[in-house]
N, C-alpha and C. Protein backbone atom coordinates (compact mmCIF):
# COMPACT_ATOMS: atom_id res chain seq x y z
N MET A 1 0.85 -1.17 0.00
CA MET A 1 0.00 0.00 0.00
C MET A 1 0.89 1.24 0.00
N ARG A 2 0.54 2.22 -0.76
CA ARG A 2 1.32 3.44 -0.83
C ARG A 2 0.86 4.38 0.26
N SER A 3 1.78 5.10 0.82
CA SER A 3 1.41 6.04 1.89
C SER A 3 1.19 7.43 1.31
N GLN A 4 0.53 8.27 2.10
CA GLN A 4 0.27 9.64 1.65
C GLN A 4 1.55 10.45 1.77
N HIS A 5 1.80 11.24 0.73
CA HIS A 5 2.97 12.12 0.74
C HIS A 5 2.58 13.43 1.40
N ALA A 6 3.34 13.83 2.41
CA ALA A 6 3.01 15.03 3.18
C ALA A 6 2.87 16.25 2.28
N GLY A 7 1.71 16.89 2.39
CA GLY A 7 1.48 18.14 1.68
C GLY A 7 1.27 18.01 0.19
N SER A 8 1.24 16.77 -0.33
CA SER A 8 1.14 16.62 -1.78
C SER A 8 -0.28 16.45 -2.26
N GLY A 9 -1.20 16.12 -1.36
CA GLY A 9 -2.57 15.87 -1.77
C GLY A 9 -2.76 14.51 -2.41
N GLN A 10 -1.70 13.69 -2.41
CA GLN A 10 -1.80 12.37 -3.00
C GLN A 10 -2.36 11.40 -1.97
N THR A 11 -3.11 10.43 -2.46
CA THR A 11 -3.75 9.49 -1.56
C THR A 11 -3.04 8.15 -1.55
N SER A 12 -3.31 7.40 -0.52
CA SER A 12 -2.77 6.06 -0.39
C SER A 12 -3.49 5.14 -1.36
N GLY A 13 -2.80 4.19 -1.95
CA GLY A 13 -3.44 3.24 -2.85
C GLY A 13 -2.55 2.83 -3.99
N LEU A 14 -3.16 2.28 -5.01
CA LEU A 14 -2.43 1.78 -6.16
C LEU A 14 -1.77 2.92 -6.94
N TYR A 15 -2.49 4.02 -7.11
CA TYR A 15 -1.98 5.17 -7.85
C TYR A 15 -1.98 6.41 -6.96
N THR A 16 -0.99 7.25 -7.14
CA THR A 16 -1.06 8.58 -6.56
C THR A 16 -2.03 9.39 -7.42
N ALA A 17 -2.41 10.55 -6.95
CA ALA A 17 -3.31 11.40 -7.74
C ALA A 17 -2.69 11.75 -9.10
N GLU A 18 -1.39 12.05 -9.12
CA GLU A 18 -0.72 12.39 -10.37
C GLU A 18 -0.61 11.18 -11.30
N GLU A 19 -0.32 10.00 -10.76
CA GLU A 19 -0.26 8.79 -11.58
C GLU A 19 -1.63 8.46 -12.18
N ARG A 20 -2.68 8.66 -11.39
CA ARG A 20 -4.04 8.42 -11.88
C ARG A 20 -4.35 9.39 -13.05
N ARG A 21 -3.93 10.65 -12.90
CA ARG A 21 -4.14 11.63 -13.96
C ARG A 21 -3.39 11.21 -15.22
N ARG A 22 -2.12 10.80 -15.06
CA ARG A 22 -1.33 10.37 -16.21
C ARG A 22 -1.92 9.09 -16.84
N ARG A 23 -2.40 8.17 -16.01
CA ARG A 23 -3.03 6.95 -16.53
C ARG A 23 -4.24 7.30 -17.38
N ASP A 24 -5.07 8.18 -16.85
CA ASP A 24 -6.30 8.56 -17.57
C ASP A 24 -6.00 9.34 -18.85
N ALA A 25 -4.88 10.04 -18.90
CA ALA A 25 -4.52 10.84 -20.07
C ALA A 25 -3.73 10.05 -21.12
N SER A 26 -3.18 8.93 -20.73
CA SER A 26 -2.32 8.18 -21.64
C SER A 26 -3.13 7.45 -22.71
N PRO A 27 -2.76 7.61 -23.98
CA PRO A 27 -3.45 6.84 -25.04
C PRO A 27 -3.18 5.35 -24.91
N TRP A 28 -2.12 4.99 -24.19
CA TRP A 28 -1.76 3.58 -24.04
C TRP A 28 -2.70 2.85 -23.09
N THR A 29 -3.45 3.60 -22.28
CA THR A 29 -4.46 2.98 -21.43
C THR A 29 -5.54 2.34 -22.30
N LEU A 30 -5.99 3.06 -23.32
CA LEU A 30 -6.98 2.52 -24.25
C LEU A 30 -6.40 1.33 -25.03
N VAL A 31 -5.16 1.46 -25.47
CA VAL A 31 -4.52 0.37 -26.21
C VAL A 31 -4.50 -0.89 -25.36
N GLN A 32 -4.13 -0.76 -24.10
CA GLN A 32 -4.11 -1.92 -23.20
C GLN A 32 -5.52 -2.47 -23.01
N GLY A 33 -6.50 -1.58 -22.93
CA GLY A 33 -7.88 -1.99 -22.76
C GLY A 33 -8.43 -2.75 -23.97
N ILE A 34 -7.86 -2.51 -25.13
CA ILE A 34 -8.25 -3.25 -26.34
C ILE A 34 -7.46 -4.54 -26.47
N LEU A 35 -6.14 -4.47 -26.23
CA LEU A 35 -5.30 -5.64 -26.42
C LEU A 35 -5.56 -6.74 -25.38
N ALA A 36 -5.89 -6.37 -24.15
CA ALA A 36 -6.08 -7.40 -23.11
C ALA A 36 -7.22 -8.36 -23.45
N PRO A 37 -8.41 -7.88 -23.79
CA PRO A 37 -9.46 -8.85 -24.17
C PRO A 37 -9.16 -9.57 -25.49
N LEU A 38 -8.49 -8.88 -26.42
CA LEU A 38 -8.09 -9.54 -27.66
C LEU A 38 -7.16 -10.70 -27.36
N GLN A 39 -6.18 -10.45 -26.50
CA GLN A 39 -5.24 -11.51 -26.14
C GLN A 39 -5.97 -12.67 -25.48
N PHE A 40 -6.95 -12.37 -24.62
CA PHE A 40 -7.70 -13.45 -23.97
C PHE A 40 -8.48 -14.26 -24.99
N ALA A 41 -9.09 -13.60 -25.97
CA ALA A 41 -9.84 -14.31 -27.01
C ALA A 41 -8.91 -15.22 -27.83
N VAL A 42 -7.75 -14.70 -28.21
CA VAL A 42 -6.78 -15.51 -28.96
C VAL A 42 -6.33 -16.68 -28.09
N PHE A 43 -6.08 -16.43 -26.82
CA PHE A 43 -5.70 -17.49 -25.89
C PHE A 43 -6.76 -18.58 -25.82
N ALA A 44 -8.03 -18.20 -25.67
CA ALA A 44 -9.11 -19.18 -25.52
C ALA A 44 -9.21 -20.08 -26.76
N VAL A 45 -9.16 -19.47 -27.94
CA VAL A 45 -9.23 -20.26 -29.18
C VAL A 45 -8.00 -21.15 -29.29
N SER A 46 -6.83 -20.58 -29.02
CA SER A 46 -5.60 -21.34 -29.12
C SER A 46 -5.57 -22.50 -28.13
N LEU A 47 -6.02 -22.25 -26.92
CA LEU A 47 -6.06 -23.32 -25.92
C LEU A 47 -6.90 -24.49 -26.44
N ALA A 48 -8.05 -24.19 -27.01
CA ALA A 48 -8.91 -25.25 -27.55
C ALA A 48 -8.20 -26.00 -28.67
N LEU A 49 -7.52 -25.27 -29.54
CA LEU A 49 -6.82 -25.91 -30.66
C LEU A 49 -5.65 -26.77 -30.17
N VAL A 50 -4.91 -26.27 -29.20
CA VAL A 50 -3.78 -27.02 -28.64
C VAL A 50 -4.29 -28.30 -27.97
N LEU A 51 -5.32 -28.17 -27.15
CA LEU A 51 -5.87 -29.35 -26.47
C LEU A 51 -6.41 -30.37 -27.48
N ARG A 52 -7.07 -29.87 -28.52
CA ARG A 52 -7.58 -30.77 -29.57
C ARG A 52 -6.44 -31.55 -30.19
N THR A 53 -5.35 -30.87 -30.51
CA THR A 53 -4.21 -31.54 -31.14
C THR A 53 -3.59 -32.55 -30.18
N LEU A 54 -3.43 -32.18 -28.93
CA LEU A 54 -2.84 -33.11 -27.97
C LEU A 54 -3.73 -34.33 -27.75
N LEU A 55 -5.04 -34.14 -27.76
CA LEU A 55 -5.96 -35.25 -27.49
C LEU A 55 -6.25 -36.12 -28.71
N THR A 56 -6.27 -35.52 -29.91
CA THR A 56 -6.66 -36.27 -31.10
C THR A 56 -5.55 -36.42 -32.13
N GLY A 57 -4.53 -35.59 -32.02
CA GLY A 57 -3.48 -35.60 -33.03
C GLY A 57 -3.85 -34.82 -34.28
N GLU A 58 -5.03 -34.24 -34.30
CA GLU A 58 -5.51 -33.50 -35.47
C GLU A 58 -5.31 -32.00 -35.29
N GLY A 59 -5.16 -31.30 -36.40
CA GLY A 59 -5.12 -29.85 -36.38
C GLY A 59 -3.81 -29.25 -35.88
N ALA A 60 -2.71 -29.94 -36.10
CA ALA A 60 -1.41 -29.46 -35.60
C ALA A 60 -1.04 -28.10 -36.20
N ALA A 61 -1.30 -27.92 -37.48
CA ALA A 61 -0.94 -26.64 -38.12
C ALA A 61 -1.74 -25.49 -37.53
N ALA A 62 -3.04 -25.71 -37.30
CA ALA A 62 -3.87 -24.66 -36.70
C ALA A 62 -3.43 -24.37 -35.27
N ALA A 63 -3.12 -25.41 -34.52
CA ALA A 63 -2.66 -25.21 -33.13
C ALA A 63 -1.35 -24.42 -33.12
N THR A 64 -0.43 -24.81 -33.98
CA THR A 64 0.86 -24.13 -34.04
C THR A 64 0.68 -22.66 -34.43
N ALA A 65 -0.12 -22.41 -35.46
CA ALA A 65 -0.36 -21.04 -35.89
C ALA A 65 -1.02 -20.22 -34.78
N SER A 66 -1.91 -20.84 -34.03
CA SER A 66 -2.59 -20.11 -32.95
C SER A 66 -1.64 -19.74 -31.82
N VAL A 67 -0.69 -20.62 -31.52
CA VAL A 67 0.28 -20.30 -30.46
C VAL A 67 1.21 -19.18 -30.93
N VAL A 68 1.59 -19.20 -32.19
CA VAL A 68 2.41 -18.12 -32.74
C VAL A 68 1.64 -16.81 -32.68
N LEU A 69 0.37 -16.82 -33.07
CA LEU A 69 -0.45 -15.61 -33.00
C LEU A 69 -0.58 -15.13 -31.56
N LYS A 70 -0.83 -16.04 -30.64
CA LYS A 70 -0.94 -15.68 -29.22
C LYS A 70 0.35 -15.02 -28.76
N THR A 71 1.48 -15.54 -29.18
CA THR A 71 2.78 -14.99 -28.78
C THR A 71 2.98 -13.60 -29.37
N LEU A 72 2.57 -13.39 -30.60
CA LEU A 72 2.70 -12.07 -31.22
C LEU A 72 1.82 -11.04 -30.50
N VAL A 73 0.61 -11.45 -30.14
CA VAL A 73 -0.27 -10.54 -29.39
C VAL A 73 0.34 -10.26 -28.02
N LEU A 74 0.93 -11.27 -27.41
CA LEU A 74 1.61 -11.07 -26.12
C LEU A 74 2.74 -10.05 -26.28
N TYR A 75 3.55 -10.19 -27.30
CA TYR A 75 4.63 -9.21 -27.52
C TYR A 75 4.06 -7.81 -27.68
N ALA A 76 2.97 -7.68 -28.42
CA ALA A 76 2.35 -6.36 -28.60
C ALA A 76 1.88 -5.78 -27.28
N ILE A 77 1.25 -6.60 -26.46
CA ILE A 77 0.75 -6.07 -25.18
C ILE A 77 1.90 -5.80 -24.21
N MET A 78 2.98 -6.55 -24.32
CA MET A 78 4.14 -6.29 -23.46
C MET A 78 4.83 -4.98 -23.84
N VAL A 79 5.02 -4.76 -25.12
CA VAL A 79 5.68 -3.52 -25.56
C VAL A 79 4.81 -2.31 -25.21
N THR A 80 3.53 -2.37 -25.56
CA THR A 80 2.66 -1.23 -25.27
C THR A 80 2.43 -1.07 -23.77
N GLY A 81 2.45 -2.17 -23.03
CA GLY A 81 2.33 -2.10 -21.57
C GLY A 81 3.54 -1.42 -20.95
N SER A 82 4.70 -1.68 -21.49
CA SER A 82 5.91 -1.00 -21.00
C SER A 82 5.84 0.50 -21.27
N ILE A 83 5.34 0.86 -22.44
CA ILE A 83 5.18 2.28 -22.76
C ILE A 83 4.16 2.90 -21.82
N TRP A 84 3.05 2.20 -21.55
CA TRP A 84 2.04 2.67 -20.61
C TRP A 84 2.66 2.88 -19.22
N GLU A 85 3.44 1.91 -18.78
CA GLU A 85 4.06 2.01 -17.46
C GLU A 85 5.00 3.21 -17.40
N ARG A 86 5.70 3.47 -18.47
CA ARG A 86 6.58 4.64 -18.54
C ARG A 86 5.76 5.93 -18.47
N ASP A 87 4.64 5.98 -19.19
CA ASP A 87 3.76 7.16 -19.15
C ASP A 87 3.22 7.42 -17.74
N VAL A 88 2.81 6.36 -17.09
CA VAL A 88 2.12 6.51 -15.79
C VAL A 88 3.09 6.61 -14.63
N PHE A 89 4.11 5.75 -14.60
CA PHE A 89 5.00 5.66 -13.43
C PHE A 89 6.42 6.17 -13.66
N GLY A 90 6.74 6.49 -14.93
CA GLY A 90 8.09 6.98 -15.22
C GLY A 90 9.14 5.89 -15.31
N ARG A 91 8.69 4.63 -15.41
CA ARG A 91 9.60 3.49 -15.53
C ARG A 91 9.06 2.56 -16.60
N TRP A 92 9.96 1.96 -17.37
CA TRP A 92 9.54 1.05 -18.43
C TRP A 92 8.96 -0.24 -17.86
N LEU A 93 9.48 -0.71 -16.79
CA LEU A 93 9.02 -1.95 -16.15
C LEU A 93 9.33 -1.89 -14.66
N PHE A 94 8.67 -2.76 -13.93
CA PHE A 94 8.92 -2.97 -12.50
C PHE A 94 8.64 -1.75 -11.63
N ALA A 95 7.66 -0.94 -12.04
CA ALA A 95 7.20 0.13 -11.15
C ALA A 95 6.65 -0.55 -9.90
N PRO A 96 6.89 0.03 -8.73
CA PRO A 96 6.46 -0.64 -7.50
C PRO A 96 5.00 -1.09 -7.49
N ALA A 97 4.10 -0.32 -8.06
CA ALA A 97 2.68 -0.68 -8.06
C ALA A 97 2.38 -1.94 -8.87
N PHE A 98 3.26 -2.27 -9.83
CA PHE A 98 3.03 -3.43 -10.70
C PHE A 98 4.24 -4.36 -10.73
N PHE A 99 5.04 -4.33 -9.67
CA PHE A 99 6.28 -5.11 -9.66
C PHE A 99 6.02 -6.60 -9.88
N TRP A 100 5.15 -7.21 -9.08
CA TRP A 100 4.94 -8.66 -9.18
C TRP A 100 4.23 -9.06 -10.46
N GLU A 101 3.38 -8.20 -10.98
CA GLU A 101 2.76 -8.47 -12.26
C GLU A 101 3.82 -8.50 -13.36
N ASP A 102 4.78 -7.57 -13.27
CA ASP A 102 5.86 -7.54 -14.26
C ASP A 102 6.79 -8.74 -14.12
N VAL A 103 7.04 -9.18 -12.89
CA VAL A 103 7.87 -10.37 -12.68
C VAL A 103 7.22 -11.58 -13.35
N VAL A 104 5.94 -11.79 -13.10
CA VAL A 104 5.24 -12.92 -13.71
C VAL A 104 5.15 -12.74 -15.23
N SER A 105 4.99 -11.48 -15.68
CA SER A 105 4.98 -11.22 -17.13
C SER A 105 6.28 -11.67 -17.78
N MET A 106 7.40 -11.52 -17.08
CA MET A 106 8.68 -11.96 -17.63
C MET A 106 8.70 -13.48 -17.80
N LEU A 107 8.11 -14.20 -16.86
CA LEU A 107 8.00 -15.66 -16.98
C LEU A 107 7.11 -16.02 -18.17
N VAL A 108 5.98 -15.34 -18.30
CA VAL A 108 5.06 -15.57 -19.42
C VAL A 108 5.81 -15.33 -20.74
N LEU A 109 6.51 -14.24 -20.81
CA LEU A 109 7.27 -13.89 -22.01
C LEU A 109 8.35 -14.93 -22.30
N ALA A 110 9.06 -15.36 -21.28
CA ALA A 110 10.12 -16.36 -21.46
C ALA A 110 9.55 -17.68 -21.97
N LEU A 111 8.44 -18.13 -21.43
CA LEU A 111 7.86 -19.40 -21.87
C LEU A 111 7.34 -19.31 -23.31
N HIS A 112 6.67 -18.20 -23.64
CA HIS A 112 6.20 -18.03 -25.02
C HIS A 112 7.38 -17.95 -26.00
N THR A 113 8.42 -17.23 -25.61
CA THR A 113 9.60 -17.12 -26.47
C THR A 113 10.30 -18.48 -26.58
N GLY A 114 10.33 -19.23 -25.50
CA GLY A 114 10.88 -20.59 -25.54
C GLY A 114 10.12 -21.47 -26.52
N TYR A 115 8.80 -21.29 -26.55
CA TYR A 115 7.99 -22.03 -27.53
C TYR A 115 8.43 -21.68 -28.95
N LEU A 116 8.55 -20.38 -29.24
CA LEU A 116 8.97 -19.97 -30.59
C LEU A 116 10.35 -20.53 -30.93
N ALA A 117 11.25 -20.50 -29.98
CA ALA A 117 12.60 -21.04 -30.21
C ALA A 117 12.54 -22.53 -30.51
N ALA A 118 11.72 -23.26 -29.75
CA ALA A 118 11.58 -24.70 -29.99
C ALA A 118 10.96 -24.96 -31.35
N LEU A 119 9.98 -24.15 -31.72
CA LEU A 119 9.32 -24.31 -33.01
C LEU A 119 10.31 -24.06 -34.16
N LEU A 120 11.08 -22.97 -34.05
CA LEU A 120 11.99 -22.60 -35.12
C LEU A 120 13.19 -23.53 -35.25
N THR A 121 13.63 -24.08 -34.13
CA THR A 121 14.82 -24.94 -34.16
C THR A 121 14.48 -26.42 -34.27
N GLY A 122 13.23 -26.77 -33.99
CA GLY A 122 12.86 -28.18 -33.98
C GLY A 122 13.44 -28.92 -32.80
N ALA A 123 13.82 -28.19 -31.77
CA ALA A 123 14.46 -28.79 -30.60
C ALA A 123 13.52 -29.70 -29.81
N LEU A 124 12.22 -29.48 -29.95
CA LEU A 124 11.25 -30.31 -29.24
C LEU A 124 10.29 -30.93 -30.24
N SER A 125 9.73 -32.06 -29.87
CA SER A 125 8.69 -32.68 -30.69
C SER A 125 7.45 -31.81 -30.65
N LEU A 126 6.51 -32.06 -31.55
CA LEU A 126 5.26 -31.31 -31.56
C LEU A 126 4.56 -31.41 -30.22
N THR A 127 4.49 -32.60 -29.67
CA THR A 127 3.83 -32.78 -28.36
C THR A 127 4.52 -31.95 -27.29
N ASP A 128 5.84 -31.98 -27.25
CA ASP A 128 6.57 -31.20 -26.24
C ASP A 128 6.41 -29.70 -26.47
N GLN A 129 6.36 -29.29 -27.73
CA GLN A 129 6.11 -27.87 -28.03
C GLN A 129 4.74 -27.45 -27.49
N LEU A 130 3.74 -28.27 -27.72
CA LEU A 130 2.40 -27.93 -27.26
C LEU A 130 2.29 -27.98 -25.74
N LEU A 131 3.02 -28.88 -25.12
CA LEU A 131 3.06 -28.90 -23.64
C LEU A 131 3.74 -27.64 -23.11
N LEU A 132 4.78 -27.18 -23.80
CA LEU A 132 5.43 -25.92 -23.44
C LEU A 132 4.45 -24.76 -23.61
N ALA A 133 3.67 -24.80 -24.68
CA ALA A 133 2.64 -23.77 -24.89
C ALA A 133 1.64 -23.79 -23.74
N LEU A 134 1.24 -24.97 -23.28
CA LEU A 134 0.32 -25.05 -22.15
C LEU A 134 0.93 -24.48 -20.87
N ALA A 135 2.22 -24.71 -20.66
CA ALA A 135 2.90 -24.10 -19.50
C ALA A 135 2.89 -22.58 -19.64
N ALA A 136 3.15 -22.09 -20.84
CA ALA A 136 3.10 -20.64 -21.09
C ALA A 136 1.70 -20.11 -20.82
N TYR A 137 0.70 -20.87 -21.24
CA TYR A 137 -0.69 -20.45 -21.05
C TYR A 137 -1.07 -20.46 -19.57
N ALA A 138 -0.59 -21.43 -18.83
CA ALA A 138 -0.88 -21.46 -17.39
C ALA A 138 -0.29 -20.23 -16.70
N SER A 139 0.94 -19.86 -17.08
CA SER A 139 1.54 -18.66 -16.49
C SER A 139 0.78 -17.41 -16.92
N TYR A 140 0.28 -17.40 -18.16
CA TYR A 140 -0.52 -16.28 -18.64
C TYR A 140 -1.80 -16.13 -17.82
N VAL A 141 -2.45 -17.24 -17.48
CA VAL A 141 -3.68 -17.18 -16.69
C VAL A 141 -3.40 -16.57 -15.32
N VAL A 142 -2.30 -16.97 -14.70
CA VAL A 142 -1.90 -16.38 -13.40
C VAL A 142 -1.68 -14.88 -13.57
N ASN A 143 -0.96 -14.49 -14.61
CA ASN A 143 -0.67 -13.08 -14.86
C ASN A 143 -1.93 -12.28 -15.15
N ALA A 144 -2.82 -12.84 -15.94
CA ALA A 144 -4.09 -12.17 -16.24
C ALA A 144 -4.88 -11.97 -14.95
N ALA A 145 -4.89 -12.96 -14.08
CA ALA A 145 -5.60 -12.84 -12.80
C ALA A 145 -4.98 -11.72 -11.95
N GLN A 146 -3.66 -11.61 -11.97
CA GLN A 146 -3.00 -10.52 -11.24
C GLN A 146 -3.49 -9.17 -11.75
N PHE A 147 -3.53 -9.00 -13.06
CA PHE A 147 -3.93 -7.72 -13.63
C PHE A 147 -5.42 -7.44 -13.39
N LEU A 148 -6.25 -8.47 -13.44
CA LEU A 148 -7.67 -8.26 -13.14
C LEU A 148 -7.87 -7.83 -11.69
N TRP A 149 -7.09 -8.42 -10.80
CA TRP A 149 -7.15 -8.03 -9.39
C TRP A 149 -6.74 -6.57 -9.22
N LYS A 150 -5.67 -6.16 -9.93
CA LYS A 150 -5.23 -4.76 -9.86
C LYS A 150 -6.28 -3.83 -10.46
N LEU A 151 -6.92 -4.24 -11.55
CA LEU A 151 -7.97 -3.43 -12.15
C LEU A 151 -9.11 -3.24 -11.15
N ARG A 152 -9.47 -4.30 -10.46
CA ARG A 152 -10.53 -4.21 -9.45
C ARG A 152 -10.11 -3.26 -8.32
N ARG A 153 -8.88 -3.39 -7.86
CA ARG A 153 -8.37 -2.48 -6.82
C ARG A 153 -8.42 -1.04 -7.28
N ALA A 154 -7.99 -0.80 -8.51
CA ALA A 154 -7.98 0.58 -9.04
C ALA A 154 -9.39 1.14 -9.09
N ARG A 155 -10.35 0.32 -9.48
CA ARG A 155 -11.74 0.79 -9.53
C ARG A 155 -12.27 1.05 -8.13
N LEU A 156 -11.92 0.21 -7.19
CA LEU A 156 -12.38 0.42 -5.80
C LEU A 156 -11.74 1.66 -5.18
N GLU A 157 -10.52 1.99 -5.63
CA GLU A 157 -9.80 3.13 -5.07
C GLU A 157 -10.06 4.42 -5.85
N ALA A 158 -10.88 4.35 -6.87
CA ALA A 158 -11.16 5.54 -7.68
C ALA A 158 -11.75 6.63 -6.80
N PRO A 159 -11.40 7.89 -7.08
CA PRO A 159 -11.97 8.99 -6.31
C PRO A 159 -13.49 8.93 -6.32
N GLY A 160 -14.07 9.14 -5.14
CA GLY A 160 -15.51 9.14 -5.02
C GLY A 160 -16.11 7.77 -4.79
N THR A 161 -15.26 6.72 -4.76
CA THR A 161 -15.73 5.37 -4.54
C THR A 161 -15.54 5.03 -3.06
N LEU A 162 -16.59 4.62 -2.43
CA LEU A 162 -16.52 4.21 -1.03
C LEU A 162 -16.01 2.80 -0.96
N VAL A 163 -14.90 2.59 -0.28
CA VAL A 163 -14.34 1.26 -0.11
C VAL A 163 -14.48 0.85 1.34
N THR A 164 -15.14 -0.26 1.56
CA THR A 164 -15.28 -0.77 2.93
C THR A 164 -14.26 -1.87 3.13
N GLU A 165 -13.95 -2.17 4.35
CA GLU A 165 -12.97 -3.21 4.65
C GLU A 165 -13.39 -4.55 4.07
N GLY A 166 -14.68 -4.87 4.10
CA GLY A 166 -15.15 -6.13 3.59
C GLY A 166 -15.00 -6.29 2.09
N ALA A 167 -14.83 -5.18 1.38
CA ALA A 167 -14.74 -5.23 -0.09
C ALA A 167 -13.36 -5.61 -0.57
N ARG A 168 -12.39 -5.56 0.27
CA ARG A 168 -11.01 -5.84 -0.16
C ARG A 168 -10.70 -7.29 -0.19
């Protein structure tokens, strides 16, 4: 929890008053708001395709293409998210308010990139590649949950919103 800065008029919470102003003014806030549900939709379709291939052996090309697309969307949201974080907090990554989300994002990024490396080099069998994709997807689900929790906190801490102890 952030503490109040003496004489600054900033409040305790996820964002200071100035960070909230910068967040609301940043065009990257809208970009993140568009890319996040897009990424989830691509993830959901890809997950179904990957599971279908693992269970039936069918649709390997579609599953592979879907994981590549999911990874490209992830890269887009990571780059634009870093720009957003710079706009709002003055840091490209690991701003204190989003430190653990960024740590898990690095794991998500590493696993997705590992998948691409395995695909391009043929270092893993198709089954192992898809299992790696599932590990990447599991880390993505954890990361998405972190961000949804932060979004909920931000909405509860919005000016004019009454937050009770039971709501946290």
